[in-house]
Amino acid sequence: MSTAAVTSKGQITIPLEVRKKLGIKPGDRVRFIKGVKGEYVLKPKDDAAEPKAEFVFKPKTGTIMDMLGCIRWTGKPVTIEKMNETIAKGWAGLITFED
């Protein structure tokens, strides 16, 4: 997860990872769109093209329930048994995750 500090002028530097995923280059403009739960979505301001990705910005305060819906799973449902099996393999060092 990328983070950015806010300067006294209210400015932030968008992390490189986010700029790459969104295809944002120097001089590009971005839009901050308010979501239904008070979060903001950052999108490149290019009405002619579909954004490659989008990032939701939420304050770092609140409860664990504020995390509800922040990660979307688009794959097939996974059983508890399969989750436990995968977790056990990870702890045993049988699974590695690489970018």
N, C-alpha and C. Protein backbone atom coordinates (compact mmCIF):
# COMPACT_ATOMS: atom_id res chain seq x y z
N MET A 1 0.84 -1.18 0.00
CA MET A 1 0.00 0.00 0.00
C MET A 1 0.89 1.24 0.00
N SER A 2 0.61 2.17 -0.86
CA SER A 2 1.38 3.40 -0.95
C SER A 2 0.75 4.47 -0.08
N THR A 3 1.59 5.33 0.47
CA THR A 3 1.10 6.46 1.26
C THR A 3 1.81 7.72 0.79
N ALA A 4 1.25 8.87 1.15
CA ALA A 4 1.85 10.15 0.81
C ALA A 4 1.58 11.13 1.95
N ALA A 5 2.53 12.00 2.22
CA ALA A 5 2.37 13.03 3.25
C ALA A 5 1.79 14.28 2.62
N VAL A 6 1.01 15.01 3.40
CA VAL A 6 0.43 16.27 2.94
C VAL A 6 1.30 17.41 3.45
N THR A 7 1.69 18.33 2.55
CA THR A 7 2.52 19.47 2.95
C THR A 7 1.64 20.54 3.60
N SER A 8 2.29 21.57 4.13
CA SER A 8 1.54 22.67 4.75
C SER A 8 0.68 23.42 3.74
N LYS A 9 1.00 23.28 2.44
CA LYS A 9 0.20 23.91 1.38
C LYS A 9 -0.91 22.98 0.88
N GLY A 10 -1.05 21.80 1.50
CA GLY A 10 -2.09 20.86 1.09
C GLY A 10 -1.71 20.04 -0.13
N GLN A 11 -0.43 19.97 -0.44
CA GLN A 11 0.03 19.24 -1.62
C GLN A 11 0.52 17.85 -1.22
N ILE A 12 0.41 16.91 -2.18
CA ILE A 12 0.96 15.58 -1.98
C ILE A 12 1.75 15.19 -3.23
N THR A 13 2.68 14.28 -3.07
CA THR A 13 3.36 13.68 -4.20
C THR A 13 2.74 12.31 -4.39
N ILE A 14 2.18 12.07 -5.55
CA ILE A 14 1.55 10.77 -5.82
C ILE A 14 2.67 9.74 -5.96
N PRO A 15 2.63 8.66 -5.18
CA PRO A 15 3.70 7.66 -5.23
C PRO A 15 3.90 7.10 -6.64
N LEU A 16 5.13 6.74 -6.96
CA LEU A 16 5.49 6.24 -8.28
C LEU A 16 4.63 5.05 -8.69
N GLU A 17 4.40 4.12 -7.76
CA GLU A 17 3.57 2.94 -8.05
C GLU A 17 2.20 3.34 -8.56
N VAL A 18 1.59 4.33 -7.90
CA VAL A 18 0.26 4.79 -8.28
C VAL A 18 0.31 5.50 -9.63
N ARG A 19 1.31 6.36 -9.83
CA ARG A 19 1.43 7.08 -11.11
C ARG A 19 1.59 6.10 -12.26
N LYS A 20 2.39 5.05 -12.07
CA LYS A 20 2.59 4.06 -13.13
C LYS A 20 1.28 3.33 -13.44
N LYS A 21 0.57 2.88 -12.41
CA LYS A 21 -0.66 2.12 -12.63
C LYS A 21 -1.74 2.97 -13.28
N LEU A 22 -1.76 4.27 -12.96
CA LEU A 22 -2.76 5.15 -13.56
C LEU A 22 -2.29 5.78 -14.87
N GLY A 23 -1.02 5.62 -15.19
CA GLY A 23 -0.49 6.22 -16.41
C GLY A 23 -0.38 7.73 -16.31
N ILE A 24 -0.14 8.25 -15.11
CA ILE A 24 -0.04 9.69 -14.89
C ILE A 24 1.39 10.14 -15.16
N LYS A 25 1.51 11.18 -16.00
CA LYS A 25 2.82 11.74 -16.34
C LYS A 25 2.88 13.20 -15.89
N PRO A 26 4.09 13.77 -15.79
CA PRO A 26 4.20 15.17 -15.41
C PRO A 26 3.32 16.07 -16.28
N GLY A 27 2.60 16.97 -15.66
CA GLY A 27 1.71 17.88 -16.38
C GLY A 27 0.28 17.37 -16.51
N ASP A 28 0.06 16.06 -16.28
CA ASP A 28 -1.30 15.52 -16.34
C ASP A 28 -2.13 16.07 -15.19
N ARG A 29 -3.42 16.14 -15.39
CA ARG A 29 -4.34 16.56 -14.34
C ARG A 29 -5.09 15.33 -13.86
N VAL A 30 -5.52 15.34 -12.60
CA VAL A 30 -6.27 14.22 -12.03
C VAL A 30 -7.56 14.74 -11.43
N ARG A 31 -8.51 13.84 -11.29
CA ARG A 31 -9.80 14.17 -10.68
C ARG A 31 -9.92 13.42 -9.37
N PHE A 32 -10.50 14.06 -8.35
CA PHE A 32 -10.83 13.42 -7.09
C PHE A 32 -12.35 13.34 -7.03
N ILE A 33 -12.89 12.14 -7.06
CA ILE A 33 -14.33 11.94 -7.10
C ILE A 33 -14.79 11.38 -5.76
N LYS A 34 -15.76 12.05 -5.12
CA LYS A 34 -16.24 11.61 -3.81
C LYS A 34 -17.15 10.40 -3.97
N GLY A 35 -16.87 9.36 -3.17
CA GLY A 35 -17.68 8.15 -3.18
C GLY A 35 -18.82 8.23 -2.18
N VAL A 36 -19.66 7.21 -2.15
CA VAL A 36 -20.85 7.21 -1.31
C VAL A 36 -20.53 7.09 0.18
N LYS A 37 -19.37 6.53 0.53
CA LYS A 37 -19.01 6.35 1.94
C LYS A 37 -18.03 7.43 2.42
N GLY A 38 -17.84 8.48 1.64
CA GLY A 38 -16.96 9.57 2.04
C GLY A 38 -15.53 9.42 1.54
N GLU A 39 -15.23 8.32 0.87
CA GLU A 39 -13.89 8.14 0.32
C GLU A 39 -13.76 8.92 -0.98
N TYR A 40 -12.55 9.13 -1.43
CA TYR A 40 -12.31 9.81 -2.69
C TYR A 40 -11.57 8.87 -3.64
N VAL A 41 -11.95 8.91 -4.91
CA VAL A 41 -11.32 8.10 -5.94
C VAL A 41 -10.50 9.02 -6.82
N LEU A 42 -9.23 8.66 -7.06
CA LEU A 42 -8.34 9.44 -7.92
C LEU A 42 -8.35 8.82 -9.30
N LYS A 43 -8.67 9.62 -10.31
CA LYS A 43 -8.67 9.14 -11.70
C LYS A 43 -7.94 10.15 -12.57
N PRO A 44 -7.22 9.66 -13.59
CA PRO A 44 -6.61 10.60 -14.52
C PRO A 44 -7.70 11.43 -15.20
N LYS A 45 -7.46 12.71 -15.42
CA LYS A 45 -8.46 13.56 -16.07
C LYS A 45 -8.25 13.50 -17.57
N ASP A 46 -8.72 12.42 -18.15
CA ASP A 46 -8.65 12.22 -19.60
C ASP A 46 -9.99 11.62 -20.00
N ASP A 47 -10.94 12.44 -20.35
CA ASP A 47 -12.30 11.97 -20.63
C ASP A 47 -12.37 11.06 -21.85
N ALA A 48 -11.36 11.14 -22.73
CA ALA A 48 -11.41 10.35 -23.96
C ALA A 48 -10.96 8.90 -23.73
N ALA A 49 -10.19 8.67 -22.68
CA ALA A 49 -9.63 7.32 -22.47
C ALA A 49 -10.12 6.74 -21.15
N GLU A 50 -10.24 5.43 -21.12
CA GLU A 50 -10.58 4.73 -19.89
C GLU A 50 -9.34 4.68 -19.01
N PRO A 51 -9.47 4.98 -17.71
CA PRO A 51 -8.30 4.88 -16.85
C PRO A 51 -7.84 3.43 -16.73
N LYS A 52 -6.53 3.23 -16.60
CA LYS A 52 -5.99 1.89 -16.46
C LYS A 52 -6.34 1.29 -15.10
N ALA A 53 -6.48 2.14 -14.11
CA ALA A 53 -6.77 1.69 -12.74
C ALA A 53 -7.34 2.87 -11.99
N GLU A 54 -7.77 2.63 -10.79
CA GLU A 54 -8.21 3.72 -9.93
C GLU A 54 -7.80 3.40 -8.51
N PHE A 55 -7.56 4.42 -7.71
CA PHE A 55 -7.16 4.26 -6.33
C PHE A 55 -8.14 5.00 -5.45
N VAL A 56 -8.54 4.37 -4.37
CA VAL A 56 -9.46 4.99 -3.42
C VAL A 56 -8.64 5.51 -2.25
N PHE A 57 -8.82 6.78 -1.92
CA PHE A 57 -8.12 7.40 -0.81
C PHE A 57 -9.06 7.50 0.38
N LYS A 58 -8.65 6.94 1.51
CA LYS A 58 -9.44 7.03 2.73
C LYS A 58 -8.52 7.53 3.84
N PRO A 59 -9.05 8.31 4.77
CA PRO A 59 -8.22 8.75 5.89
C PRO A 59 -7.72 7.54 6.69
N LYS A 60 -6.59 7.69 7.38
CA LYS A 60 -6.03 6.58 8.15
C LYS A 60 -6.62 6.51 9.55
N THR A 61 -7.77 7.05 9.78
CA THR A 61 -8.41 6.97 11.08
C THR A 61 -9.73 6.23 10.94
N GLY A 62 -10.25 5.70 12.01
CA GLY A 62 -11.53 5.00 11.97
C GLY A 62 -11.42 3.63 12.60
N THR A 63 -12.36 2.76 12.24
CA THR A 63 -12.41 1.41 12.79
C THR A 63 -12.15 0.40 11.69
N ILE A 64 -12.02 -0.85 12.09
CA ILE A 64 -11.80 -1.92 11.12
C ILE A 64 -12.99 -2.04 10.16
N MET A 65 -14.17 -1.67 10.61
CA MET A 65 -15.36 -1.75 9.75
C MET A 65 -15.27 -0.77 8.58
N ASP A 66 -14.43 0.26 8.71
CA ASP A 66 -14.23 1.19 7.60
C ASP A 66 -13.52 0.51 6.42
N MET A 67 -12.89 -0.63 6.68
CA MET A 67 -12.20 -1.36 5.63
C MET A 67 -13.17 -2.18 4.78
N LEU A 68 -14.40 -2.35 5.24
CA LEU A 68 -15.39 -3.14 4.53
C LEU A 68 -15.54 -2.63 3.09
N GLY A 69 -15.33 -3.52 2.13
CA GLY A 69 -15.49 -3.17 0.73
C GLY A 69 -14.29 -2.53 0.08
N CYS A 70 -13.17 -2.36 0.82
CA CYS A 70 -12.01 -1.69 0.22
C CYS A 70 -11.26 -2.61 -0.75
N ILE A 71 -11.44 -3.92 -0.62
CA ILE A 71 -10.81 -4.87 -1.54
C ILE A 71 -11.91 -5.67 -2.21
N ARG A 72 -11.90 -5.69 -3.52
CA ARG A 72 -12.93 -6.42 -4.25
C ARG A 72 -12.35 -7.72 -4.78
N TRP A 73 -13.01 -8.84 -4.52
CA TRP A 73 -12.60 -10.14 -5.02
C TRP A 73 -13.47 -10.46 -6.22
N THR A 74 -12.83 -10.73 -7.36
CA THR A 74 -13.58 -11.00 -8.58
C THR A 74 -13.46 -12.45 -9.02
N GLY A 75 -12.74 -13.24 -8.23
CA GLY A 75 -12.57 -14.65 -8.57
C GLY A 75 -13.69 -15.51 -8.03
N LYS A 76 -13.51 -16.83 -8.17
CA LYS A 76 -14.49 -17.77 -7.65
C LYS A 76 -14.44 -17.78 -6.12
N PRO A 77 -15.55 -18.10 -5.46
CA PRO A 77 -15.53 -18.20 -3.99
C PRO A 77 -14.54 -19.29 -3.55
N VAL A 78 -13.90 -19.05 -2.41
CA VAL A 78 -12.93 -19.99 -1.87
C VAL A 78 -13.48 -20.50 -0.54
N THR A 79 -13.35 -21.82 -0.30
CA THR A 79 -13.85 -22.40 0.95
C THR A 79 -12.89 -22.09 2.09
N ILE A 80 -13.40 -22.16 3.31
CA ILE A 80 -12.58 -21.97 4.50
C ILE A 80 -11.46 -23.02 4.53
N GLU A 81 -11.80 -24.25 4.14
CA GLU A 81 -10.81 -25.32 4.13
C GLU A 81 -9.65 -24.98 3.19
N LYS A 82 -9.96 -24.47 2.00
CA LYS A 82 -8.92 -24.10 1.03
C LYS A 82 -8.08 -22.93 1.57
N MET A 83 -8.73 -21.97 2.22
CA MET A 83 -8.00 -20.86 2.82
C MET A 83 -7.02 -21.37 3.87
N ASN A 84 -7.52 -22.24 4.76
CA ASN A 84 -6.67 -22.79 5.83
C ASN A 84 -5.50 -23.58 5.25
N GLU A 85 -5.76 -24.35 4.20
CA GLU A 85 -4.71 -25.13 3.55
C GLU A 85 -3.63 -24.22 2.96
N THR A 86 -4.05 -23.15 2.30
CA THR A 86 -3.11 -22.20 1.70
C THR A 86 -2.31 -21.48 2.77
N ILE A 87 -2.97 -21.09 3.86
CA ILE A 87 -2.28 -20.42 4.96
C ILE A 87 -1.23 -21.34 5.57
N ALA A 88 -1.59 -22.61 5.78
CA ALA A 88 -0.64 -23.58 6.34
C ALA A 88 0.57 -23.76 5.42
N LYS A 89 0.34 -23.82 4.11
CA LYS A 89 1.44 -23.96 3.16
C LYS A 89 2.34 -22.72 3.19
N GLY A 90 1.73 -21.55 3.32
CA GLY A 90 2.50 -20.31 3.41
C GLY A 90 3.38 -20.29 4.64
N TRP A 91 2.85 -20.67 5.79
CA TRP A 91 3.63 -20.70 7.03
C TRP A 91 4.74 -21.74 6.95
N ALA A 92 4.51 -22.81 6.21
CA ALA A 92 5.52 -23.86 6.07
C ALA A 92 6.59 -23.49 5.04
N GLY A 93 6.41 -22.36 4.36
CA GLY A 93 7.39 -21.93 3.37
C GLY A 93 7.23 -22.63 2.03
N LEU A 94 6.09 -23.25 1.81
CA LEU A 94 5.88 -23.97 0.56
C LEU A 94 5.32 -23.07 -0.54
N ILE A 95 4.94 -21.85 -0.19
CA ILE A 95 4.39 -20.90 -1.16
C ILE A 95 5.19 -19.61 -1.05
N THR A 96 5.56 -19.06 -2.21
CA THR A 96 6.18 -17.74 -2.22
C THR A 96 5.37 -16.86 -3.15
N PHE A 97 5.27 -15.60 -2.82
CA PHE A 97 4.53 -14.64 -3.60
C PHE A 97 5.50 -13.62 -4.16
N GLU A 98 5.55 -13.51 -5.46
CA GLU A 98 6.45 -12.58 -6.10
C GLU A 98 5.65 -11.66 -7.01
N ASP A 99 6.14 -10.44 -7.19
CA ASP A 99 5.47 -9.48 -8.07
C ASP A 99 5.62 -9.89 -9.51
